Each structure stands twice: as C-alpha cells, then as structure tokens.
C-alpha cells in the first residue's frame, strides 16, 4: 500500500452522496464511512464495528470518540510530516471534540484532501488555511496492509 494508492481509492469515492453513518461507494458515505471504505480496500475487513453516532460526535460530553478510534487502528504521525494518503482528523471549532476526517490527496503548496461533507457529498477540497488550522491529528494506514 502506498500513499498514491490510498489517494486513488479515496478519489474513486468522489461524487458519492453524503449519508450520515453510511460507507458504501456510490450510494452514500459520511467522512468516517469514506475512511472505512478506504480501509476495506487496503487493509481488509474493518477491525471493529463502528457504533451508532450522532453528527455532533459527543460534543456535549467532550469525549474524543473519533480520536480514540483513530489511535486504536491507525498510526499517528507528527502534524508537520504531511504525505499523500494521510488521514486527517479535524476539530471544527477550537476546544471542541475532533469530529471530521479526510484523506490528504496532495501535500505542499497545492495541498488538497478528499472528504465527505454534509450538503456536498464526497469531494476534493483545497487544504486552505481555514481547514489546515483545524487539523488536530495526522495518521497513516497501518503498514503491511495489502
């Protein structure tokens, strides 16, 4: 598995409508569903079943459920070590729980990422300053995956 193959798989999902809690290429996916789909393509069966979750990702309780799951199954990377294929975890507001995911498609000056966004579906967006400042953690898929 390479960063390029992760990006190619993520880009296959572009155009999939946004559907909360879904993870099916074509019919629908949310941001976690996109990452789950890329996992299945590169790592095989999902290691745990995603529990039911609300769109606020436990903001009222302050529990970092998405971050904890990412730390269980992905390899954490320093924020400054950007590479295509990285899984990005975002905090939509300062001090809020991390609740959005994307896959870095291009690093550097023309940085972009693929994500499922409510009202837009799976799209590729520039990793603008507004998005970049919200990155809370960076991960990569585990090595040795097929």
N, C-alpha and C. Protein backbone atom coordinates (compact mmCIF):
# COMPACT_ATOMS: atom_id res chain seq x y z
N UNK A 1 0.85 -1.18 0.00
CA UNK A 1 0.00 0.00 0.00
C UNK A 1 0.89 1.23 0.00
N UNK A 2 0.56 2.17 -0.85
CA UNK A 2 1.28 3.43 -0.94
C UNK A 2 0.32 4.59 -0.71
N UNK A 3 0.88 5.76 -0.44
CA UNK A 3 0.05 6.94 -0.33
C UNK A 3 -0.73 7.18 -1.60
N UNK A 4 -0.08 6.94 -2.74
CA UNK A 4 -0.76 7.14 -4.03
C UNK A 4 -1.95 6.20 -4.19
N UNK A 5 -1.82 4.96 -3.73
CA UNK A 5 -2.94 4.03 -3.86
C UNK A 5 -4.08 4.40 -2.91
N UNK A 6 -3.76 4.92 -1.74
CA UNK A 6 -4.79 5.39 -0.81
C UNK A 6 -5.54 6.57 -1.45
N UNK A 7 -4.80 7.50 -2.04
CA UNK A 7 -5.43 8.66 -2.68
C UNK A 7 -6.30 8.21 -3.85
N UNK A 8 -5.80 7.29 -4.65
CA UNK A 8 -6.58 6.80 -5.79
C UNK A 8 -7.89 6.19 -5.32
N UNK A 9 -7.85 5.42 -4.26
CA UNK A 9 -9.09 4.82 -3.73
C UNK A 9 -10.02 5.90 -3.20
N UNK A 10 -9.50 6.86 -2.45
CA UNK A 10 -10.33 7.93 -1.91
C UNK A 10 -10.99 8.71 -3.05
N UNK A 11 -10.25 8.97 -4.11
CA UNK A 11 -10.80 9.72 -5.24
C UNK A 11 -11.88 8.93 -5.97
N UNK A 12 -11.84 7.60 -5.93
CA UNK A 12 -12.91 6.80 -6.53
C UNK A 12 -14.26 7.12 -5.89
N UNK A 13 -14.24 7.55 -4.64
CA UNK A 13 -15.46 7.83 -3.89
C UNK A 13 -16.04 9.21 -4.21
N UNK A 14 -15.29 10.07 -4.90
CA UNK A 14 -15.78 11.42 -5.22
C UNK A 14 -17.09 11.29 -6.00
N UNK A 15 -18.06 12.08 -5.58
CA UNK A 15 -19.39 12.04 -6.18
C UNK A 15 -20.38 11.21 -5.38
N UNK A 16 -19.90 10.40 -4.44
CA UNK A 16 -20.79 9.64 -3.57
C UNK A 16 -21.54 10.63 -2.68
N UNK A 17 -22.86 10.55 -2.61
CA UNK A 17 -23.63 11.48 -1.77
C UNK A 17 -23.29 11.34 -0.29
N UNK A 18 -23.48 12.43 0.45
CA UNK A 18 -23.31 12.40 1.89
C UNK A 18 -24.51 11.71 2.52
N UNK A 19 -24.26 10.63 3.26
CA UNK A 19 -25.30 9.94 4.03
C UNK A 19 -24.68 9.62 5.39
N UNK A 20 -25.27 10.20 6.43
CA UNK A 20 -24.77 10.01 7.80
C UNK A 20 -24.71 8.52 8.13
N UNK A 21 -23.59 8.06 8.66
CA UNK A 21 -23.28 6.70 9.10
C UNK A 21 -23.16 5.68 7.96
N UNK A 22 -23.18 6.11 6.72
CA UNK A 22 -23.07 5.17 5.61
C UNK A 22 -21.61 5.04 5.16
N UNK A 23 -21.31 3.92 4.50
CA UNK A 23 -19.97 3.65 3.99
C UNK A 23 -20.04 2.77 2.75
N UNK A 24 -20.77 3.25 1.74
CA UNK A 24 -20.95 2.47 0.52
C UNK A 24 -20.61 3.35 -0.68
N UNK A 25 -19.58 2.95 -1.41
CA UNK A 25 -19.17 3.67 -2.61
C UNK A 25 -20.36 3.78 -3.56
N UNK A 26 -20.71 4.99 -3.96
CA UNK A 26 -21.83 5.22 -4.86
C UNK A 26 -23.09 5.65 -4.13
N UNK A 27 -23.74 4.76 -3.35
CA UNK A 27 -24.98 5.16 -2.68
C UNK A 27 -24.82 6.21 -1.58
N UNK A 28 -23.74 6.14 -0.77
CA UNK A 28 -23.62 7.14 0.28
C UNK A 28 -22.54 6.85 1.30
N UNK A 29 -21.97 7.95 1.83
CA UNK A 29 -20.94 7.86 2.87
C UNK A 29 -20.87 9.17 3.62
N UNK A 30 -20.43 9.08 4.86
CA UNK A 30 -20.04 10.28 5.60
C UNK A 30 -18.52 10.25 5.70
N UNK A 31 -17.93 11.16 6.45
CA UNK A 31 -16.46 11.24 6.48
C UNK A 31 -15.84 9.96 7.05
N UNK A 32 -16.42 9.41 8.11
CA UNK A 32 -15.92 8.15 8.66
C UNK A 32 -16.15 7.02 7.66
N UNK A 33 -17.29 7.03 7.00
CA UNK A 33 -17.58 5.99 6.01
C UNK A 33 -16.57 5.97 4.87
N UNK A 34 -16.11 7.15 4.44
CA UNK A 34 -15.07 7.22 3.41
C UNK A 34 -13.80 6.54 3.90
N UNK A 35 -13.35 6.89 5.09
CA UNK A 35 -12.12 6.29 5.64
C UNK A 35 -12.30 4.79 5.84
N UNK A 36 -13.48 4.38 6.29
CA UNK A 36 -13.75 2.95 6.44
C UNK A 36 -13.67 2.24 5.10
N UNK A 37 -14.21 2.85 4.05
CA UNK A 37 -14.15 2.25 2.71
C UNK A 37 -12.73 2.12 2.20
N UNK A 38 -11.92 3.13 2.43
CA UNK A 38 -10.51 3.06 2.02
C UNK A 38 -9.80 1.98 2.84
N UNK A 39 -10.12 1.88 4.13
CA UNK A 39 -9.54 0.81 4.97
C UNK A 39 -9.86 -0.55 4.36
N UNK A 40 -11.13 -0.78 4.04
CA UNK A 40 -11.52 -2.08 3.49
C UNK A 40 -10.77 -2.39 2.20
N UNK A 41 -10.55 -1.39 1.37
CA UNK A 41 -9.85 -1.60 0.10
C UNK A 41 -8.37 -1.91 0.31
N UNK A 42 -7.78 -1.36 1.37
CA UNK A 42 -6.34 -1.51 1.56
C UNK A 42 -5.93 -2.42 2.69
N UNK A 43 -6.78 -2.57 3.68
CA UNK A 43 -6.39 -3.34 4.87
C UNK A 43 -7.25 -4.58 5.08
N UNK A 44 -8.38 -4.67 4.38
CA UNK A 44 -9.26 -5.80 4.55
C UNK A 44 -10.44 -5.46 5.45
N UNK A 45 -11.03 -6.46 6.09
CA UNK A 45 -12.21 -6.23 6.93
C UNK A 45 -11.92 -5.20 8.03
N UNK A 46 -12.94 -4.44 8.37
CA UNK A 46 -12.79 -3.44 9.42
C UNK A 46 -12.51 -4.14 10.75
N UNK A 47 -11.59 -3.60 11.57
CA UNK A 47 -11.20 -4.26 12.81
C UNK A 47 -12.23 -4.18 13.92
N UNK A 48 -13.14 -3.23 13.83
CA UNK A 48 -14.23 -3.15 14.80
C UNK A 48 -15.43 -2.52 14.12
N UNK A 49 -16.58 -2.80 14.63
CA UNK A 49 -17.81 -2.24 14.08
C UNK A 49 -17.96 -0.81 14.57
N UNK A 50 -18.24 0.09 13.67
CA UNK A 50 -18.47 1.48 14.07
C UNK A 50 -19.79 1.56 14.83
N UNK A 51 -19.77 2.12 16.04
CA UNK A 51 -21.02 2.24 16.79
C UNK A 51 -21.90 3.32 16.17
N UNK A 52 -23.16 3.32 16.51
CA UNK A 52 -24.04 4.41 16.09
C UNK A 52 -23.47 5.70 16.68
N UNK A 53 -23.53 6.77 15.92
CA UNK A 53 -23.00 8.05 16.40
C UNK A 53 -23.85 9.17 15.85
N UNK A 54 -23.88 10.24 16.62
CA UNK A 54 -24.62 11.42 16.19
C UNK A 54 -23.67 12.33 15.42
N UNK A 55 -24.22 13.29 14.70
CA UNK A 55 -23.38 14.18 13.93
C UNK A 55 -22.54 15.10 14.81
N UNK A 56 -22.88 15.25 16.09
CA UNK A 56 -22.06 16.10 16.96
C UNK A 56 -20.87 15.36 17.57
N UNK A 57 -20.76 14.05 17.33
CA UNK A 57 -19.64 13.24 17.82
C UNK A 57 -19.35 13.48 19.30
N UNK A 58 -20.37 13.44 20.12
CA UNK A 58 -20.22 13.52 21.58
C UNK A 58 -19.70 14.88 22.05
N UNK A 59 -19.96 15.93 21.28
CA UNK A 59 -19.52 17.26 21.73
C UNK A 59 -20.03 17.61 23.12
N UNK A 60 -21.31 17.34 23.44
CA UNK A 60 -21.78 17.72 24.78
C UNK A 60 -20.99 17.05 25.92
N UNK A 61 -20.55 15.82 25.72
CA UNK A 61 -19.82 15.11 26.77
C UNK A 61 -18.32 15.38 26.73
N UNK A 62 -17.84 15.88 25.60
CA UNK A 62 -16.41 16.15 25.46
C UNK A 62 -15.57 14.91 25.21
N UNK A 63 -16.19 13.76 24.98
CA UNK A 63 -15.45 12.52 24.74
C UNK A 63 -14.85 12.53 23.34
N UNK A 64 -13.59 12.20 23.24
CA UNK A 64 -12.87 12.15 21.96
C UNK A 64 -13.02 10.77 21.33
N UNK A 65 -14.25 10.41 20.96
CA UNK A 65 -14.52 9.07 20.45
C UNK A 65 -13.83 8.81 19.11
N UNK A 66 -13.87 9.76 18.20
CA UNK A 66 -13.26 9.56 16.89
C UNK A 66 -11.73 9.52 17.01
N UNK A 67 -11.16 10.38 17.81
CA UNK A 67 -9.71 10.38 18.03
C UNK A 67 -9.26 9.05 18.65
N UNK A 68 -10.01 8.57 19.64
CA UNK A 68 -9.64 7.31 20.29
C UNK A 68 -9.67 6.15 19.30
N UNK A 69 -10.68 6.11 18.44
CA UNK A 69 -10.76 5.04 17.43
C UNK A 69 -9.60 5.14 16.45
N UNK A 70 -9.27 6.35 16.02
CA UNK A 70 -8.14 6.52 15.10
C UNK A 70 -6.85 6.05 15.75
N UNK A 71 -6.66 6.34 17.02
CA UNK A 71 -5.44 5.91 17.70
C UNK A 71 -5.38 4.40 17.88
N UNK A 72 -6.52 3.74 17.94
CA UNK A 72 -6.52 2.28 18.06
C UNK A 72 -6.08 1.60 16.77
N UNK A 73 -6.45 2.14 15.62
CA UNK A 73 -6.29 1.39 14.37
C UNK A 73 -5.35 2.02 13.34
N UNK A 74 -5.05 3.29 13.49
CA UNK A 74 -4.15 3.97 12.55
C UNK A 74 -2.84 4.31 13.25
N UNK A 75 -1.83 4.65 12.47
CA UNK A 75 -0.53 5.04 13.04
C UNK A 75 -0.45 6.56 13.08
N UNK A 76 -0.30 7.10 14.29
CA UNK A 76 -0.22 8.56 14.44
C UNK A 76 1.10 9.08 13.89
N UNK A 77 1.04 10.25 13.26
CA UNK A 77 2.21 10.90 12.69
C UNK A 77 2.31 12.32 13.25
N UNK A 78 3.51 12.89 13.28
CA UNK A 78 3.63 14.30 13.66
C UNK A 78 2.85 15.17 12.67
N UNK A 79 2.26 16.24 13.16
CA UNK A 79 1.45 17.11 12.31
C UNK A 79 2.26 17.67 11.14
N UNK A 80 3.55 17.91 11.33
CA UNK A 80 4.36 18.51 10.28
C UNK A 80 4.85 17.56 9.21
N UNK A 81 4.57 16.28 9.32
CA UNK A 81 5.05 15.29 8.34
C UNK A 81 3.94 14.90 7.38
N UNK A 82 3.54 15.83 6.53
CA UNK A 82 2.44 15.61 5.60
C UNK A 82 2.87 14.74 4.43
N UNK A 83 2.03 13.79 4.08
CA UNK A 83 2.26 12.94 2.91
C UNK A 83 0.90 12.54 2.33
N UNK A 84 0.86 12.44 1.02
CA UNK A 84 -0.37 11.99 0.36
C UNK A 84 -0.79 10.65 0.95
N UNK A 85 -2.09 10.52 1.20
CA UNK A 85 -2.63 9.30 1.80
C UNK A 85 -2.83 9.39 3.30
N UNK A 86 -2.33 10.47 3.93
CA UNK A 86 -2.54 10.64 5.36
C UNK A 86 -4.03 10.81 5.67
N UNK A 87 -4.44 10.30 6.81
CA UNK A 87 -5.79 10.54 7.32
C UNK A 87 -5.70 11.75 8.24
N UNK A 88 -6.49 12.76 7.95
CA UNK A 88 -6.51 13.99 8.74
C UNK A 88 -7.74 14.00 9.63
N UNK A 89 -7.55 14.36 10.88
CA UNK A 89 -8.64 14.48 11.84
C UNK A 89 -8.77 15.95 12.21
N UNK A 90 -9.97 16.48 12.08
CA UNK A 90 -10.21 17.91 12.26
C UNK A 90 -11.06 18.21 13.49
N UNK A 91 -10.77 19.36 14.13
CA UNK A 91 -11.65 19.97 15.12
C UNK A 91 -12.33 21.12 14.40
N UNK A 92 -13.63 21.09 14.34
CA UNK A 92 -14.33 22.13 13.59
C UNK A 92 -14.37 23.46 14.34
N UNK A 93 -14.21 23.41 15.65
CA UNK A 93 -14.09 24.62 16.47
C UNK A 93 -13.00 24.39 17.50
N UNK A 94 -12.28 25.45 17.85
CA UNK A 94 -11.24 25.35 18.86
C UNK A 94 -11.85 24.87 20.18
N UNK A 95 -11.23 23.88 20.78
CA UNK A 95 -11.71 23.34 22.05
C UNK A 95 -12.80 22.29 21.92
N UNK A 96 -13.32 22.10 20.72
CA UNK A 96 -14.37 21.10 20.50
C UNK A 96 -13.72 19.73 20.26
N UNK A 97 -14.53 18.68 20.35
CA UNK A 97 -14.02 17.35 20.04
C UNK A 97 -13.71 17.27 18.54
N UNK A 98 -12.75 16.42 18.20
CA UNK A 98 -12.43 16.16 16.79
C UNK A 98 -13.55 15.32 16.20
N UNK A 99 -14.11 15.79 15.06
CA UNK A 99 -15.27 15.07 14.54
C UNK A 99 -15.36 15.05 13.02
N UNK A 100 -14.29 15.36 12.34
CA UNK A 100 -14.31 15.29 10.87
C UNK A 100 -13.02 14.65 10.39
N UNK A 101 -13.12 13.85 9.34
CA UNK A 101 -11.97 13.14 8.77
C UNK A 101 -11.84 13.46 7.29
N UNK A 102 -10.62 13.38 6.79
CA UNK A 102 -10.36 13.48 5.38
C UNK A 102 -9.08 12.76 5.05
N UNK A 103 -8.82 12.57 3.77
CA UNK A 103 -7.59 11.91 3.32
C UNK A 103 -6.81 12.90 2.46
N UNK A 104 -5.57 13.17 2.87
CA UNK A 104 -4.73 14.12 2.15
C UNK A 104 -4.44 13.59 0.76
N UNK A 105 -4.84 14.34 -0.26
CA UNK A 105 -4.62 13.93 -1.64
C UNK A 105 -3.30 14.48 -2.19
N UNK A 106 -3.01 15.73 -1.87
CA UNK A 106 -1.78 16.38 -2.31
C UNK A 106 -1.21 17.16 -1.14
N UNK A 107 0.09 17.06 -0.93
CA UNK A 107 0.77 17.83 0.11
C UNK A 107 1.47 19.01 -0.55
N UNK A 108 1.89 19.95 0.26
CA UNK A 108 2.66 21.08 -0.26
C UNK A 108 1.80 22.28 -0.60
N UNK A 109 2.32 23.09 -1.51
CA UNK A 109 1.66 24.36 -1.85
C UNK A 109 0.26 24.18 -2.42
N UNK A 110 0.02 23.09 -3.11
CA UNK A 110 -1.29 22.81 -3.71
C UNK A 110 -2.05 21.75 -2.91
N UNK A 111 -1.90 21.77 -1.59
CA UNK A 111 -2.48 20.74 -0.74
C UNK A 111 -4.00 20.65 -0.91
N UNK A 112 -4.48 19.42 -0.94
CA UNK A 112 -5.92 19.16 -1.03
C UNK A 112 -6.22 17.88 -0.27
N UNK A 113 -7.51 17.69 0.02
CA UNK A 113 -7.92 16.48 0.73
C UNK A 113 -9.29 16.05 0.25
N UNK A 114 -9.54 14.74 0.35
CA UNK A 114 -10.82 14.15 -0.03
C UNK A 114 -11.58 13.90 1.26
N UNK A 115 -12.85 14.32 1.28
CA UNK A 115 -13.67 14.14 2.47
C UNK A 115 -15.14 14.13 2.08
N UNK A 116 -15.96 13.59 2.96
CA UNK A 116 -17.41 13.61 2.78
C UNK A 116 -17.95 14.72 3.66
N UNK A 117 -18.65 15.63 3.04
CA UNK A 117 -19.08 16.84 3.72
C UNK A 117 -20.57 17.01 3.54
N UNK A 118 -21.28 17.21 4.64
CA UNK A 118 -22.73 17.36 4.60
C UNK A 118 -23.14 18.43 3.60
N UNK A 119 -24.08 18.08 2.75
CA UNK A 119 -24.55 19.01 1.73
C UNK A 119 -23.74 18.99 0.45
N UNK A 120 -22.60 18.29 0.45
CA UNK A 120 -21.72 18.25 -0.72
C UNK A 120 -21.40 16.84 -1.19
N UNK A 121 -21.46 15.85 -0.31
CA UNK A 121 -21.04 14.50 -0.67
C UNK A 121 -19.54 14.38 -0.56
N UNK A 122 -18.98 13.35 -1.21
CA UNK A 122 -17.53 13.15 -1.20
C UNK A 122 -16.94 14.07 -2.27
N UNK A 123 -16.05 14.93 -1.82
CA UNK A 123 -15.43 15.93 -2.68
C UNK A 123 -13.94 16.02 -2.38
N UNK A 124 -13.20 16.65 -3.28
CA UNK A 124 -11.81 17.02 -3.00
C UNK A 124 -11.78 18.52 -2.83
N UNK A 125 -11.25 18.97 -1.70
CA UNK A 125 -11.20 20.39 -1.36
C UNK A 125 -9.75 20.84 -1.17
N UNK A 126 -9.46 22.10 -1.47
CA UNK A 126 -8.14 22.62 -1.12
C UNK A 126 -7.96 22.57 0.39
N UNK A 127 -6.77 22.25 0.83
CA UNK A 127 -6.47 22.30 2.27
C UNK A 127 -6.06 23.74 2.57
N UNK A 128 -7.06 24.62 2.53
CA UNK A 128 -6.86 26.05 2.74
C UNK A 128 -6.41 26.31 4.17
N UNK A 129 -6.02 27.53 4.45
CA UNK A 129 -5.62 27.89 5.81
C UNK A 129 -6.75 27.63 6.80
N UNK A 130 -7.99 27.87 6.38
CA UNK A 130 -9.14 27.64 7.27
C UNK A 130 -9.26 26.17 7.64
N UNK A 131 -9.02 25.27 6.71
CA UNK A 131 -9.04 23.83 7.01
C UNK A 131 -7.77 23.42 7.74
N UNK A 132 -6.62 23.88 7.28
CA UNK A 132 -5.34 23.45 7.86
C UNK A 132 -5.25 23.76 9.34
N UNK A 133 -5.77 24.90 9.77
CA UNK A 133 -5.68 25.24 11.19
C UNK A 133 -6.59 24.36 12.05
N UNK A 134 -7.50 23.63 11.44
CA UNK A 134 -8.39 22.75 12.18
C UNK A 134 -7.85 21.31 12.32
N UNK A 135 -6.74 21.01 11.66
CA UNK A 135 -6.19 19.65 11.75
C UNK A 135 -5.70 19.42 13.18
N UNK A 136 -6.29 18.42 13.82
CA UNK A 136 -5.96 18.09 15.21
C UNK A 136 -4.96 16.95 15.30
N UNK A 137 -4.97 16.08 14.30
CA UNK A 137 -4.07 14.91 14.30
C UNK A 137 -3.92 14.41 12.87
N UNK A 138 -2.82 13.73 12.65
CA UNK A 138 -2.50 13.15 11.34
C UNK A 138 -2.15 11.68 11.57
N UNK A 139 -2.68 10.82 10.73
CA UNK A 139 -2.45 9.39 10.84
C UNK A 139 -2.11 8.81 9.49
N UNK A 140 -1.61 7.58 9.50
CA UNK A 140 -1.45 6.83 8.26
C UNK A 140 -2.03 5.44 8.48
N UNK A 141 -2.41 4.81 7.38
CA UNK A 141 -2.90 3.45 7.48
C UNK A 141 -1.77 2.54 7.91
N UNK A 142 -2.07 1.44 8.60
CA UNK A 142 -1.00 0.56 9.11
C UNK A 142 -0.20 -0.06 7.98
N UNK A 143 1.07 -0.25 8.23
CA UNK A 143 1.96 -0.87 7.24
C UNK A 143 1.63 -2.34 7.14
N UNK A 144 1.97 -2.91 6.01
CA UNK A 144 1.75 -4.34 5.81
C UNK A 144 0.37 -4.65 5.28
N UNK A 145 -0.46 -3.62 5.10
CA UNK A 145 -1.78 -3.89 4.53
C UNK A 145 -1.63 -4.20 3.06
N UNK A 146 -2.59 -4.92 2.51
CA UNK A 146 -2.48 -5.33 1.09
C UNK A 146 -2.86 -4.22 0.15
